[in-house]
Amino acid sequence: MKIIDRIRAFLRSPKGQRLTQQAREQLNKPENKRRLRDLARRLRQRR
């Protein structure tokens, strides 16, 4: 089984669904959105 298939299977599992939902909830927080934007800006500046 390829690694991508294993990841897909995990994401379809109940535990994978819970983790996906938790990630979405974290991304909805303004502080985390700001941190993600800052990280993206820093990564773009390195190039």
C-alpha atoms as a PDB file:
ATOM      1  CA  MET A   1       0.000   0.000   0.000  1.00  0.00           C
ATOM      2  CA  LYS A   2       1.389   3.386  -0.983  1.00  0.00           C
ATOM      3  CA  ILE A   3       1.864   6.017   1.694  1.00  0.00           C
ATOM      4  CA  ILE A   4      -0.727   8.315   0.083  1.00  0.00           C
ATOM      5  CA  ASP A   5      -3.295   5.504   0.232  1.00  0.00           C
ATOM      6  CA  ARG A   6      -2.551   4.987   3.915  1.00  0.00           C
ATOM      7  CA  ILE A   7      -2.993   8.711   4.564  1.00  0.00           C
ATOM      8  CA  ARG A   8      -6.315   8.752   2.705  1.00  0.00           C
ATOM      9  CA  ALA A   9      -7.529   5.728   4.659  1.00  0.00           C
ATOM     10  CA  PHE A  10      -6.563   7.407   7.930  1.00  0.00           C
ATOM     11  CA  LEU A  11      -8.359  10.629   6.995  1.00  0.00           C
ATOM     12  CA  ARG A  12     -11.527   8.635   6.297  1.00  0.00           C
ATOM     13  CA  SER A  13     -11.340   6.903   9.686  1.00  0.00           C
ATOM     14  CA  PRO A  14     -13.168   8.298  12.745  1.00  0.00           C
ATOM     15  CA  LYS A  15      -9.879   9.401  14.323  1.00  0.00           C
ATOM     16  CA  GLY A  16      -8.792  11.096  11.099  1.00  0.00           C
ATOM     17  CA  GLN A  17     -12.145  12.874  10.883  1.00  0.00           C
ATOM     18  CA  ARG A  18     -11.743  14.138  14.468  1.00  0.00           C
ATOM     19  CA  LEU A  19      -8.253  15.443  13.774  1.00  0.00           C
ATOM     20  CA  THR A  20      -9.429  17.133  10.581  1.00  0.00           C
ATOM     21  CA  GLN A  21     -12.255  18.827  12.486  1.00  0.00           C
ATOM     22  CA  GLN A  22      -9.864  19.974  15.238  1.00  0.00           C
ATOM     23  CA  ALA A  23      -7.522  21.430  12.612  1.00  0.00           C
ATOM     24  CA  ARG A  24     -10.395  23.343  11.008  1.00  0.00           C
ATOM     25  CA  GLU A  25     -11.439  24.728  14.394  1.00  0.00           C
ATOM     26  CA  GLN A  26      -7.884  25.871  15.114  1.00  0.00           C
ATOM     27  CA  LEU A  27      -7.614  27.563  11.710  1.00  0.00           C
ATOM     28  CA  ASN A  28     -10.775  29.558  12.426  1.00  0.00           C
ATOM     29  CA  LYS A  29      -9.096  31.315  15.348  1.00  0.00           C
ATOM     30  CA  PRO A  30      -7.800  34.796  14.410  1.00  0.00           C
ATOM     31  CA  GLU A  31      -4.500  34.327  16.264  1.00  0.00           C
ATOM     32  CA  ASN A  32      -3.700  31.150  14.332  1.00  0.00           C
ATOM     33  CA  LYS A  33      -4.667  32.768  11.020  1.00  0.00           C
ATOM     34  CA  ARG A  34      -2.210  35.583  11.787  1.00  0.00           C
ATOM     35  CA  ARG A  35       0.541  33.110  12.649  1.00  0.00           C
ATOM     36  CA  LEU A  36      -0.059  31.191   9.421  1.00  0.00           C
ATOM     37  CA  ARG A  37       0.087  34.396   7.353  1.00  0.00           C
ATOM     38  CA  ASP A  38       3.334  35.389   9.103  1.00  0.00           C
ATOM     39  CA  LEU A  39       4.858  31.974   8.412  1.00  0.00           C
ATOM     40  CA  ALA A  40       3.839  32.107   4.745  1.00  0.00           C
ATOM     41  CA  ARG A  41       5.349  35.588   4.418  1.00  0.00           C
ATOM     42  CA  ARG A  42       8.635  34.449   5.981  1.00  0.00           C
ATOM     43  CA  LEU A  43       8.818  31.420   3.693  1.00  0.00           C
ATOM     44  CA  ARG A  44       8.202  33.571   0.600  1.00  0.00           C
ATOM     45  CA  GLN A  45      10.910  36.038   1.639  1.00  0.00           C
ATOM     46  CA  ARG A  46      13.553  33.307   1.782  1.00  0.00           C
ATOM     47  CA  ARG A  47      13.395  32.744  -1.964  1.00  0.00           C
END
